[in-house]
Amino acid sequence: RLSCAASGKIPSINAMGWYRQAPGKQRE
């Protein structure tokens, strides 16, 4: 289970996403 915490003044309308990048490949 991965977690991602955002801090600061964050606009209420937003999207959060997970991307990954394997060795030698583009981020997806």
mmCIF file of all heavy atoms, coordinates in Angstrom:
data_MODEL
# 
_entry.id   MODEL 
# 
loop_
_atom_site.group_PDB 
_atom_site.id 
_atom_site.type_symbol 
_atom_site.label_atom_id 
_atom_site.label_alt_id 
_atom_site.label_comp_id 
_atom_site.label_asym_id 
_atom_site.label_entity_id 
_atom_site.label_seq_id 
_atom_site.pdbx_PDB_ins_code 
_atom_site.Cartn_x 
_atom_site.Cartn_y 
_atom_site.Cartn_z 
_atom_site.occupancy 
_atom_site.B_iso_or_equiv 
_atom_site.pdbx_formal_charge 
_atom_site.auth_seq_id 
_atom_site.auth_comp_id 
_atom_site.auth_asym_id 
_atom_site.auth_atom_id 
_atom_site.pdbx_PDB_model_num 
ATOM 1   N N   . ARG A 1 1  ? 0.852   -1.178 0.000   1.00 0.00 ? 1  ARG A N   1 
ATOM 2   C CA  . ARG A 1 1  ? 0.000   0.000  0.000   1.00 0.00 ? 1  ARG A CA  1 
ATOM 3   C C   . ARG A 1 1  ? 0.891   1.233  0.000   1.00 0.00 ? 1  ARG A C   1 
ATOM 4   O O   . ARG A 1 1  ? 1.668   1.432  0.937   1.00 0.00 ? 1  ARG A O   1 
ATOM 5   C CB  . ARG A 1 1  ? -0.904  0.017  1.219   1.00 0.00 ? 1  ARG A CB  1 
ATOM 6   C CG  . ARG A 1 1  ? -1.955  1.115  1.201   1.00 0.00 ? 1  ARG A CG  1 
ATOM 7   C CD  . ARG A 1 1  ? -2.581  1.258  2.560   1.00 0.00 ? 1  ARG A CD  1 
ATOM 8   N NE  . ARG A 1 1  ? -3.824  2.017  2.537   1.00 0.00 ? 1  ARG A NE  1 
ATOM 9   C CZ  . ARG A 1 1  ? -4.284  2.727  3.570   1.00 0.00 ? 1  ARG A CZ  1 
ATOM 10  N NH1 . ARG A 1 1  ? -3.607  2.752  4.701   1.00 0.00 ? 1  ARG A NH1 1 
ATOM 11  N NH2 . ARG A 1 1  ? -5.432  3.378  3.479   1.00 0.00 ? 1  ARG A NH2 1 
ATOM 12  N N   . LEU A 1 2  ? 0.760   2.022  -1.034  1.00 0.00 ? 2  LEU A N   1 
ATOM 13  C CA  . LEU A 1 2  ? 1.489   3.270  -1.124  1.00 0.00 ? 2  LEU A CA  1 
ATOM 14  C C   . LEU A 1 2  ? 0.623   4.415  -0.622  1.00 0.00 ? 2  LEU A C   1 
ATOM 15  O O   . LEU A 1 2  ? -0.591  4.417  -0.807  1.00 0.00 ? 2  LEU A O   1 
ATOM 16  C CB  . LEU A 1 2  ? 1.907   3.548  -2.572  1.00 0.00 ? 2  LEU A CB  1 
ATOM 17  C CG  . LEU A 1 2  ? 2.709   2.458  -3.287  1.00 0.00 ? 2  LEU A CG  1 
ATOM 18  C CD1 . LEU A 1 2  ? 3.075   2.924  -4.686  1.00 0.00 ? 2  LEU A CD1 1 
ATOM 19  C CD2 . LEU A 1 2  ? 3.936   2.074  -2.503  1.00 0.00 ? 2  LEU A CD2 1 
ATOM 20  N N   . SER A 1 3  ? 1.283   5.387  -0.016  1.00 0.00 ? 3  SER A N   1 
ATOM 21  C CA  . SER A 1 3  ? 0.595   6.585  0.446   1.00 0.00 ? 3  SER A CA  1 
ATOM 22  C C   . SER A 1 3  ? 1.276   7.811  -0.133  1.00 0.00 ? 3  SER A C   1 
ATOM 23  O O   . SER A 1 3  ? 2.483   7.817  -0.353  1.00 0.00 ? 3  SER A O   1 
ATOM 24  C CB  . SER A 1 3  ? 0.622   6.671  1.971   1.00 0.00 ? 3  SER A CB  1 
ATOM 25  O OG  . SER A 1 3  ? -0.023  5.579  2.566   1.00 0.00 ? 3  SER A OG  1 
ATOM 26  N N   . CYS A 1 4  ? 0.480   8.843  -0.351  1.00 0.00 ? 4  CYS A N   1 
ATOM 27  C CA  . CYS A 1 4  ? 1.014   10.119 -0.838  1.00 0.00 ? 4  CYS A CA  1 
ATOM 28  C C   . CYS A 1 4  ? 0.298   11.230 -0.092  1.00 0.00 ? 4  CYS A C   1 
ATOM 29  O O   . CYS A 1 4  ? -0.921  11.375 -0.222  1.00 0.00 ? 4  CYS A O   1 
ATOM 30  C CB  . CYS A 1 4  ? 0.805   10.253 -2.330  1.00 0.00 ? 4  CYS A CB  1 
ATOM 31  S SG  . CYS A 1 4  ? 1.199   11.885 -2.974  1.00 0.00 ? 4  CYS A SG  1 
ATOM 32  N N   . ALA A 1 5  ? 1.058   11.983 0.657   1.00 0.00 ? 5  ALA A N   1 
ATOM 33  C CA  . ALA A 1 5  ? 0.497   13.076 1.436   1.00 0.00 ? 5  ALA A CA  1 
ATOM 34  C C   . ALA A 1 5  ? 0.879   14.403 0.807   1.00 0.00 ? 5  ALA A C   1 
ATOM 35  O O   . ALA A 1 5  ? 2.061   14.649 0.546   1.00 0.00 ? 5  ALA A O   1 
ATOM 36  C CB  . ALA A 1 5  ? 0.996   13.005 2.870   1.00 0.00 ? 5  ALA A CB  1 
ATOM 37  N N   . ALA A 1 6  ? -0.107  15.242 0.586   1.00 0.00 ? 6  ALA A N   1 
ATOM 38  C CA  . ALA A 1 6  ? 0.120   16.577 0.040   1.00 0.00 ? 6  ALA A CA  1 
ATOM 39  C C   . ALA A 1 6  ? 0.042   17.601 1.166   1.00 0.00 ? 6  ALA A C   1 
ATOM 40  O O   . ALA A 1 6  ? -0.763  17.466 2.082   1.00 0.00 ? 6  ALA A O   1 
ATOM 41  C CB  . ALA A 1 6  ? -0.919  16.888 -1.028  1.00 0.00 ? 6  ALA A CB  1 
ATOM 42  N N   . SER A 1 7  ? 0.882   18.605 1.078   1.00 0.00 ? 7  SER A N   1 
ATOM 43  C CA  . SER A 1 7  ? 0.890   19.658 2.087   1.00 0.00 ? 7  SER A CA  1 
ATOM 44  C C   . SER A 1 7  ? 1.001   21.006 1.398   1.00 0.00 ? 7  SER A C   1 
ATOM 45  O O   . SER A 1 7  ? 1.431   21.115 0.254   1.00 0.00 ? 7  SER A O   1 
ATOM 46  C CB  . SER A 1 7  ? 2.048   19.452 3.063   1.00 0.00 ? 7  SER A CB  1 
ATOM 47  O OG  . SER A 1 7  ? 3.289   19.512 2.386   1.00 0.00 ? 7  SER A OG  1 
ATOM 48  N N   . GLY A 1 8  ? 0.617   22.037 2.142   1.00 0.00 ? 8  GLY A N   1 
ATOM 49  C CA  . GLY A 1 8  ? 0.631   23.380 1.581   1.00 0.00 ? 8  GLY A CA  1 
ATOM 50  C C   . GLY A 1 8  ? -0.780  23.850 1.264   1.00 0.00 ? 8  GLY A C   1 
ATOM 51  O O   . GLY A 1 8  ? -1.759  23.215 1.645   1.00 0.00 ? 8  GLY A O   1 
ATOM 52  N N   . LYS A 1 9  ? -0.860  24.947 0.538   1.00 0.00 ? 9  LYS A N   1 
ATOM 53  C CA  . LYS A 1 9  ? -2.165  25.497 0.170   1.00 0.00 ? 9  LYS A CA  1 
ATOM 54  C C   . LYS A 1 9  ? -2.647  24.797 -1.097  1.00 0.00 ? 9  LYS A C   1 
ATOM 55  O O   . LYS A 1 9  ? -2.242  25.153 -2.215  1.00 0.00 ? 9  LYS A O   1 
ATOM 56  C CB  . LYS A 1 9  ? -2.056  27.003 -0.047  1.00 0.00 ? 9  LYS A CB  1 
ATOM 57  C CG  . LYS A 1 9  ? -3.401  27.700 -0.149  1.00 0.00 ? 9  LYS A CG  1 
ATOM 58  C CD  . LYS A 1 9  ? -3.230  29.214 -0.159  1.00 0.00 ? 9  LYS A CD  1 
ATOM 59  C CE  . LYS A 1 9  ? -4.588  29.894 -0.205  1.00 0.00 ? 9  LYS A CE  1 
ATOM 60  N NZ  . LYS A 1 9  ? -4.456  31.381 -0.221  1.00 0.00 ? 9  LYS A NZ  1 
ATOM 61  N N   . ILE A 1 10 ? -3.499  23.815 -0.910  1.00 0.00 ? 10 ILE A N   1 
ATOM 62  C CA  . ILE A 1 10 ? -3.925  22.957 -2.001  1.00 0.00 ? 10 ILE A CA  1 
ATOM 63  C C   . ILE A 1 10 ? -5.315  23.355 -2.480  1.00 0.00 ? 10 ILE A C   1 
ATOM 64  O O   . ILE A 1 10 ? -6.255  23.389 -1.686  1.00 0.00 ? 10 ILE A O   1 
ATOM 65  C CB  . ILE A 1 10 ? -3.935  21.481 -1.552  1.00 0.00 ? 10 ILE A CB  1 
ATOM 66  C CG1 . ILE A 1 10 ? -2.548  21.079 -1.048  1.00 0.00 ? 10 ILE A CG1 1 
ATOM 67  C CG2 . ILE A 1 10 ? -4.372  20.572 -2.696  1.00 0.00 ? 10 ILE A CG2 1 
ATOM 68  C CD1 . ILE A 1 10 ? -2.540  19.833 -0.229  1.00 0.00 ? 10 ILE A CD1 1 
ATOM 69  N N   . PRO A 1 11 ? -5.471  23.646 -3.760  1.00 0.00 ? 11 PRO A N   1 
ATOM 70  C CA  . PRO A 1 11 ? -6.809  23.955 -4.272  1.00 0.00 ? 11 PRO A CA  1 
ATOM 71  C C   . PRO A 1 11 ? -7.762  22.792 -4.022  1.00 0.00 ? 11 PRO A C   1 
ATOM 72  O O   . PRO A 1 11 ? -7.375  21.628 -4.135  1.00 0.00 ? 11 PRO A O   1 
ATOM 73  C CB  . PRO A 1 11 ? -6.566  24.158 -5.764  1.00 0.00 ? 11 PRO A CB  1 
ATOM 74  C CG  . PRO A 1 11 ? -5.128  24.540 -5.860  1.00 0.00 ? 11 PRO A CG  1 
ATOM 75  C CD  . PRO A 1 11 ? -4.442  23.765 -4.781  1.00 0.00 ? 11 PRO A CD  1 
ATOM 76  N N   . SER A 1 12 ? -8.993  23.115 -3.701  1.00 0.00 ? 12 SER A N   1 
ATOM 77  C CA  . SER A 1 12 ? -9.944  22.059 -3.349  1.00 0.00 ? 12 SER A CA  1 
ATOM 78  C C   . SER A 1 12 ? -10.288 21.173 -4.539  1.00 0.00 ? 12 SER A C   1 
ATOM 79  O O   . SER A 1 12 ? -10.634 20.008 -4.376  1.00 0.00 ? 12 SER A O   1 
ATOM 80  C CB  . SER A 1 12 ? -11.217 22.673 -2.775  1.00 0.00 ? 12 SER A CB  1 
ATOM 81  O OG  . SER A 1 12 ? -11.797 23.555 -3.722  1.00 0.00 ? 12 SER A OG  1 
ATOM 82  N N   . ILE A 1 13 ? -10.219 21.740 -5.723  1.00 0.00 ? 13 ILE A N   1 
ATOM 83  C CA  . ILE A 1 13 ? -10.481 20.953 -6.935  1.00 0.00 ? 13 ILE A CA  1 
ATOM 84  C C   . ILE A 1 13 ? -9.142  20.516 -7.524  1.00 0.00 ? 13 ILE A C   1 
ATOM 85  O O   . ILE A 1 13 ? -8.351  21.348 -7.967  1.00 0.00 ? 13 ILE A O   1 
ATOM 86  C CB  . ILE A 1 13 ? -11.295 21.746 -7.962  1.00 0.00 ? 13 ILE A CB  1 
ATOM 87  C CG1 . ILE A 1 13 ? -12.641 22.153 -7.352  1.00 0.00 ? 13 ILE A CG1 1 
ATOM 88  C CG2 . ILE A 1 13 ? -11.499 20.935 -9.233  1.00 0.00 ? 13 ILE A CG2 1 
ATOM 89  C CD1 . ILE A 1 13 ? -13.485 23.032 -8.241  1.00 0.00 ? 13 ILE A CD1 1 
ATOM 90  N N   . ASN A 1 14 ? -8.907  19.230 -7.467  1.00 0.00 ? 14 ASN A N   1 
ATOM 91  C CA  . ASN A 1 14 ? -7.616  18.744 -7.958  1.00 0.00 ? 14 ASN A CA  1 
ATOM 92  C C   . ASN A 1 14 ? -7.750  17.267 -8.298  1.00 0.00 ? 14 ASN A C   1 
ATOM 93  O O   . ASN A 1 14 ? -8.788  16.639 -8.058  1.00 0.00 ? 14 ASN A O   1 
ATOM 94  C CB  . ASN A 1 14 ? -6.532  18.946 -6.895  1.00 0.00 ? 14 ASN A CB  1 
ATOM 95  C CG  . ASN A 1 14 ? -6.824  18.206 -5.607  1.00 0.00 ? 14 ASN A CG  1 
ATOM 96  O OD1 . ASN A 1 14 ? -6.737  16.977 -5.554  1.00 0.00 ? 14 ASN A OD1 1 
ATOM 97  N ND2 . ASN A 1 14 ? -7.176  18.931 -4.552  1.00 0.00 ? 14 ASN A ND2 1 
ATOM 98  N N   . ALA A 1 15 ? -6.715  16.742 -8.844  1.00 0.00 ? 15 ALA A N   1 
ATOM 99  C CA  . ALA A 1 15 ? -6.614  15.304 -9.073  1.00 0.00 ? 15 ALA A CA  1 
ATOM 100 C C   . ALA A 1 15 ? -5.266  14.848 -8.531  1.00 0.00 ? 15 ALA A C   1 
ATOM 101 O O   . ALA A 1 15 ? -4.292  15.598 -8.577  1.00 0.00 ? 15 ALA A O   1 
ATOM 102 C CB  . ALA A 1 15 ? -6.731  14.966 -10.552 1.00 0.00 ? 15 ALA A CB  1 
ATOM 103 N N   . MET A 1 16 ? -5.255  13.652 -8.018  1.00 0.00 ? 16 MET A N   1 
ATOM 104 C CA  . MET A 1 16 ? -3.997  13.059 -7.551  1.00 0.00 ? 16 MET A CA  1 
ATOM 105 C C   . MET A 1 16 ? -3.848  11.715 -8.241  1.00 0.00 ? 16 MET A C   1 
ATOM 106 O O   . MET A 1 16 ? -4.818  10.975 -8.412  1.00 0.00 ? 16 MET A O   1 
ATOM 107 C CB  . MET A 1 16 ? -3.991  12.908 -6.030  1.00 0.00 ? 16 MET A CB  1 
ATOM 108 C CG  . MET A 1 16 ? -4.022  14.245 -5.319  1.00 0.00 ? 16 MET A CG  1 
ATOM 109 S SD  . MET A 1 16 ? -3.900  14.110 -3.518  1.00 0.00 ? 16 MET A SD  1 
ATOM 110 C CE  . MET A 1 16 ? -2.149  13.736 -3.324  1.00 0.00 ? 16 MET A CE  1 
ATOM 111 N N   . GLY A 1 17 ? -2.645  11.444 -8.630  1.00 0.00 ? 17 GLY A N   1 
ATOM 112 C CA  . GLY A 1 17 ? -2.432  10.214 -9.379  1.00 0.00 ? 17 GLY A CA  1 
ATOM 113 C C   . GLY A 1 17 ? -1.112  9.551  -9.051  1.00 0.00 ? 17 GLY A C   1 
ATOM 114 O O   . GLY A 1 17 ? -0.209  10.162 -8.479  1.00 0.00 ? 17 GLY A O   1 
ATOM 115 N N   . TRP A 1 18 ? -1.067  8.294  -9.394  1.00 0.00 ? 18 TRP A N   1 
ATOM 116 C CA  . TRP A 1 18 ? 0.161   7.506  -9.267  1.00 0.00 ? 18 TRP A CA  1 
ATOM 117 C C   . TRP A 1 18 ? 0.680   7.168  -10.658 1.00 0.00 ? 18 TRP A C   1 
ATOM 118 O O   . TRP A 1 18 ? -0.088  6.726  -11.525 1.00 0.00 ? 18 TRP A O   1 
ATOM 119 C CB  . TRP A 1 18 ? -0.118  6.218  -8.489  1.00 0.00 ? 18 TRP A CB  1 
ATOM 120 C CG  . TRP A 1 18 ? -0.336  6.431  -7.034  1.00 0.00 ? 18 TRP A CG  1 
ATOM 121 C CD1 . TRP A 1 18 ? -1.526  6.525  -6.381  1.00 0.00 ? 18 TRP A CD1 1 
ATOM 122 C CD2 . TRP A 1 18 ? 0.676   6.594  -6.035  1.00 0.00 ? 18 TRP A CD2 1 
ATOM 123 N NE1 . TRP A 1 18 ? -1.323  6.740  -5.041  1.00 0.00 ? 18 TRP A NE1 1 
ATOM 124 C CE2 . TRP A 1 18 ? 0.022   6.782  -4.796  1.00 0.00 ? 18 TRP A CE2 1 
ATOM 125 C CE3 . TRP A 1 18 ? 2.073   6.594  -6.066  1.00 0.00 ? 18 TRP A CE3 1 
ATOM 126 C CZ2 . TRP A 1 18 ? 0.717   6.966  -3.602  1.00 0.00 ? 18 TRP A CZ2 1 
ATOM 127 C CZ3 . TRP A 1 18 ? 2.757   6.770  -4.880  1.00 0.00 ? 18 TRP A CZ3 1 
ATOM 128 C CH2 . TRP A 1 18 ? 2.079   6.954  -3.674  1.00 0.00 ? 18 TRP A CH2 1 
ATOM 129 N N   . TYR A 1 19 ? 1.947   7.399  -10.832 1.00 0.00 ? 19 TYR A N   1 
ATOM 130 C CA  . TYR A 1 19 ? 2.643   7.051  -12.060 1.00 0.00 ? 19 TYR A CA  1 
ATOM 131 C C   . TYR A 1 19 ? 3.810   6.142  -11.681 1.00 0.00 ? 19 TYR A C   1 
ATOM 132 O O   . TYR A 1 19 ? 4.216   6.101  -10.529 1.00 0.00 ? 19 TYR A O   1 
ATOM 133 C CB  . TYR A 1 19 ? 3.180   8.310  -12.747 1.00 0.00 ? 19 TYR A CB  1 
ATOM 134 C CG  . TYR A 1 19 ? 2.102   9.230  -13.277 1.00 0.00 ? 19 TYR A CG  1 
ATOM 135 C CD1 . TYR A 1 19 ? 1.321   9.978  -12.416 1.00 0.00 ? 19 TYR A CD1 1 
ATOM 136 C CD2 . TYR A 1 19 ? 1.878   9.356  -14.649 1.00 0.00 ? 19 TYR A CD2 1 
ATOM 137 C CE1 . TYR A 1 19 ? 0.323   10.822 -12.895 1.00 0.00 ? 19 TYR A CE1 1 
ATOM 138 C CE2 . TYR A 1 19 ? 0.893   10.200 -15.146 1.00 0.00 ? 19 TYR A CE2 1 
ATOM 139 C CZ  . TYR A 1 19 ? 0.120   10.923 -14.260 1.00 0.00 ? 19 TYR A CZ  1 
ATOM 140 O OH  . TYR A 1 19 ? -0.861  11.759 -14.749 1.00 0.00 ? 19 TYR A OH  1 
ATOM 141 N N   . ARG A 1 20 ? 4.326   5.449  -12.671 1.00 0.00 ? 20 ARG A N   1 
ATOM 142 C CA  . ARG A 1 20 ? 5.498   4.624  -12.389 1.00 0.00 ? 20 ARG A CA  1 
ATOM 143 C C   . ARG A 1 20 ? 6.463   4.672  -13.562 1.00 0.00 ? 20 ARG A C   1 
ATOM 144 O O   . ARG A 1 20 ? 6.067   4.894  -14.708 1.00 0.00 ? 20 ARG A O   1 
ATOM 145 C CB  . ARG A 1 20 ? 5.104   3.178  -12.081 1.00 0.00 ? 20 ARG A CB  1 
ATOM 146 C CG  . ARG A 1 20 ? 4.527   2.410  -13.257 1.00 0.00 ? 20 ARG A CG  1 
ATOM 147 C CD  . ARG A 1 20 ? 4.042   1.038  -12.800 1.00 0.00 ? 20 ARG A CD  1 
ATOM 148 N NE  . ARG A 1 20 ? 3.535   0.234  -13.907 1.00 0.00 ? 20 ARG A NE  1 
ATOM 149 C CZ  . ARG A 1 20 ? 2.948   -0.948 -13.752 1.00 0.00 ? 20 ARG A CZ  1 
ATOM 150 N NH1 . ARG A 1 20 ? 2.781   -1.475 -12.540 1.00 0.00 ? 20 ARG A NH1 1 
ATOM 151 N NH2 . ARG A 1 20 ? 2.523   -1.622 -14.819 1.00 0.00 ? 20 ARG A NH2 1 
ATOM 152 N N   . GLN A 1 21 ? 7.711   4.453  -13.232 1.00 0.00 ? 21 GLN A N   1 
ATOM 153 C CA  . GLN A 1 21 ? 8.748   4.420  -14.256 1.00 0.00 ? 21 GLN A CA  1 
ATOM 154 C C   . GLN A 1 21 ? 9.689   3.261  -13.968 1.00 0.00 ? 21 GLN A C   1 
ATOM 155 O O   . GLN A 1 21 ? 10.376  3.249  -12.946 1.00 0.00 ? 21 GLN A O   1 
ATOM 156 C CB  . GLN A 1 21 ? 9.523   5.743  -14.301 1.00 0.00 ? 21 GLN A CB  1 
ATOM 157 C CG  . GLN A 1 21 ? 10.480  5.822  -15.460 1.00 0.00 ? 21 GLN A CG  1 
ATOM 158 C CD  . GLN A 1 21 ? 10.991  7.232  -15.692 1.00 0.00 ? 21 GLN A CD  1 
ATOM 159 O OE1 . GLN A 1 21 ? 10.897  8.109  -14.826 1.00 0.00 ? 21 GLN A OE1 1 
ATOM 160 N NE2 . GLN A 1 21 ? 11.512  7.493  -16.884 1.00 0.00 ? 21 GLN A NE2 1 
ATOM 161 N N   . ALA A 1 22 ? 9.675   2.299  -14.862 1.00 0.00 ? 22 ALA A N   1 
ATOM 162 C CA  . ALA A 1 22 ? 10.571  1.155  -14.759 1.00 0.00 ? 22 ALA A CA  1 
ATOM 163 C C   . ALA A 1 22 ? 11.889  1.493  -15.462 1.00 0.00 ? 22 ALA A C   1 
ATOM 164 O O   . ALA A 1 22 ? 11.925  2.375  -16.322 1.00 0.00 ? 22 ALA A O   1 
ATOM 165 C CB  . ALA A 1 22 ? 9.927   -0.067 -15.394 1.00 0.00 ? 22 ALA A CB  1 
ATOM 166 N N   . PRO A 1 23 ? 12.955  0.806  -15.110 1.00 0.00 ? 23 PRO A N   1 
ATOM 167 C CA  . PRO A 1 23 ? 14.248  1.073  -15.748 1.00 0.00 ? 23 PRO A CA  1 
ATOM 168 C C   . PRO A 1 23 ? 14.164  0.968  -17.267 1.00 0.00 ? 23 PRO A C   1 
ATOM 169 O O   . PRO A 1 23 ? 13.644  -0.007 -17.805 1.00 0.00 ? 23 PRO A O   1 
ATOM 170 C CB  . PRO A 1 23 ? 15.151  -0.022 -15.162 1.00 0.00 ? 23 PRO A CB  1 
ATOM 171 C CG  . PRO A 1 23 ? 14.531  -0.368 -13.861 1.00 0.00 ? 23 PRO A CG  1 
ATOM 172 C CD  . PRO A 1 23 ? 13.061  -0.228 -14.063 1.00 0.00 ? 23 PRO A CD  1 
ATOM 173 N N   . GLY A 1 24 ? 14.643  1.997  -17.935 1.00 0.00 ? 24 GLY A N   1 
ATOM 174 C CA  . GLY A 1 24 ? 14.658  1.997  -19.388 1.00 0.00 ? 24 GLY A CA  1 
ATOM 175 C C   . GLY A 1 24 ? 13.327  2.274  -20.054 1.00 0.00 ? 24 GLY A C   1 
ATOM 176 O O   . GLY A 1 24 ? 13.214  2.194  -21.282 1.00 0.00 ? 24 GLY A O   1 
ATOM 177 N N   . LYS A 1 25 ? 12.330  2.593  -19.251 1.00 0.00 ? 25 LYS A N   1 
ATOM 178 C CA  . LYS A 1 25 ? 10.994  2.845  -19.813 1.00 0.00 ? 25 LYS A CA  1 
ATOM 179 C C   . LYS A 1 25 ? 10.518  4.245  -19.461 1.00 0.00 ? 25 LYS A C   1 
ATOM 180 O O   . LYS A 1 25 ? 11.041  4.889  -18.561 1.00 0.00 ? 25 LYS A O   1 
ATOM 181 C CB  . LYS A 1 25 ? 10.000  1.810  -19.308 1.00 0.00 ? 25 LYS A CB  1 
ATOM 182 C CG  . LYS A 1 25 ? 10.298  0.392  -19.771 1.00 0.00 ? 25 LYS A CG  1 
ATOM 183 C CD  . LYS A 1 25 ? 9.162   -0.542 -19.419 1.00 0.00 ? 25 LYS A CD  1 
ATOM 184 C CE  . LYS A 1 25 ? 9.407   -1.937 -19.970 1.00 0.00 ? 25 LYS A CE  1 
ATOM 185 N NZ  . LYS A 1 25 ? 8.286   -2.860 -19.659 1.00 0.00 ? 25 LYS A NZ  1 
ATOM 186 N N   . GLN A 1 26 ? 9.491   4.678  -20.174 1.00 0.00 ? 26 GLN A N   1 
ATOM 187 C CA  . GLN A 1 26 ? 8.924   5.992  -19.912 1.00 0.00 ? 26 GLN A CA  1 
ATOM 188 C C   . GLN A 1 26 ? 7.994   5.933  -18.704 1.00 0.00 ? 26 GLN A C   1 
ATOM 189 O O   . GLN A 1 26 ? 7.450   4.878  -18.364 1.00 0.00 ? 26 GLN A O   1 
ATOM 190 C CB  . GLN A 1 26 ? 8.141   6.455  -21.147 1.00 0.00 ? 26 GLN A CB  1 
ATOM 191 C CG  . GLN A 1 26 ? 8.990   6.620  -22.384 1.00 0.00 ? 26 GLN A CG  1 
ATOM 192 C CD  . GLN A 1 26 ? 8.634   7.863  -23.175 1.00 0.00 ? 26 GLN A CD  1 
ATOM 193 O OE1 . GLN A 1 26 ? 7.690   8.568  -22.842 1.00 0.00 ? 26 GLN A OE1 1 
ATOM 194 N NE2 . GLN A 1 26 ? 9.377   8.143  -24.224 1.00 0.00 ? 26 GLN A NE2 1 
ATOM 195 N N   . ARG A 1 27 ? 7.827   7.074  -18.076 1.00 0.00 ? 27 ARG A N   1 
ATOM 196 C CA  . ARG A 1 27 ? 6.890   7.154  -16.973 1.00 0.00 ? 27 ARG A CA  1 
ATOM 197 C C   . ARG A 1 27 ? 5.468   6.985  -17.517 1.00 0.00 ? 27 ARG A C   1 
ATOM 198 O O   . ARG A 1 27 ? 5.115   7.541  -18.544 1.00 0.00 ? 27 ARG A O   1 
ATOM 199 C CB  . ARG A 1 27 ? 7.028   8.506  -16.259 1.00 0.00 ? 27 ARG A CB  1 
ATOM 200 C CG  . ARG A 1 27 ? 6.320   8.589  -14.932 1.00 0.00 ? 27 ARG A CG  1 
ATOM 201 C CD  . ARG A 1 27 ? 6.641   9.886  -14.209 1.00 0.00 ? 27 ARG A CD  1 
ATOM 202 N NE  . ARG A 1 27 ? 8.067   9.987  -13.904 1.00 0.00 ? 27 ARG A NE  1 
ATOM 203 C CZ  . ARG A 1 27 ? 8.584   10.949 -13.145 1.00 0.00 ? 27 ARG A CZ  1 
ATOM 204 N NH1 . ARG A 1 27 ? 7.791   11.884 -12.632 1.00 0.00 ? 27 ARG A NH1 1 
ATOM 205 N NH2 . ARG A 1 27 ? 9.879   10.992 -12.921 1.00 0.00 ? 27 ARG A NH2 1 
ATOM 206 N N   . GLU A 1 28 ? 4.673   6.206  -16.787 1.00 0.00 ? 28 GLU A N   1 
ATOM 207 C CA  . GLU A 1 28 ? 3.310   5.933  -17.239 1.00 0.00 ? 28 GLU A CA  1 
ATOM 208 C C   . GLU A 1 28 ? 2.322   6.082  -16.097 1.00 0.00 ? 28 GLU A C   1 
ATOM 209 O O   . GLU A 1 28 ? 2.654   5.870  -14.924 1.00 0.00 ? 28 GLU A O   1 
ATOM 210 C CB  . GLU A 1 28 ? 3.221   4.508  -17.805 1.00 0.00 ? 28 GLU A CB  1 
ATOM 211 C CG  . GLU A 1 28 ? 3.545   3.407  -16.805 1.00 0.00 ? 28 GLU A CG  1 
ATOM 212 C CD  . GLU A 1 28 ? 3.449   2.011  -17.371 1.00 0.00 ? 28 GLU A CD  1 
ATOM 213 O OE1 . GLU A 1 28 ? 3.228   1.859  -18.598 1.00 0.00 ? 28 GLU A OE1 1 
ATOM 214 O OE2 . GLU A 1 28 ? 3.570   1.042  -16.595 1.00 0.00 ? 28 GLU A OE2 1 
# 
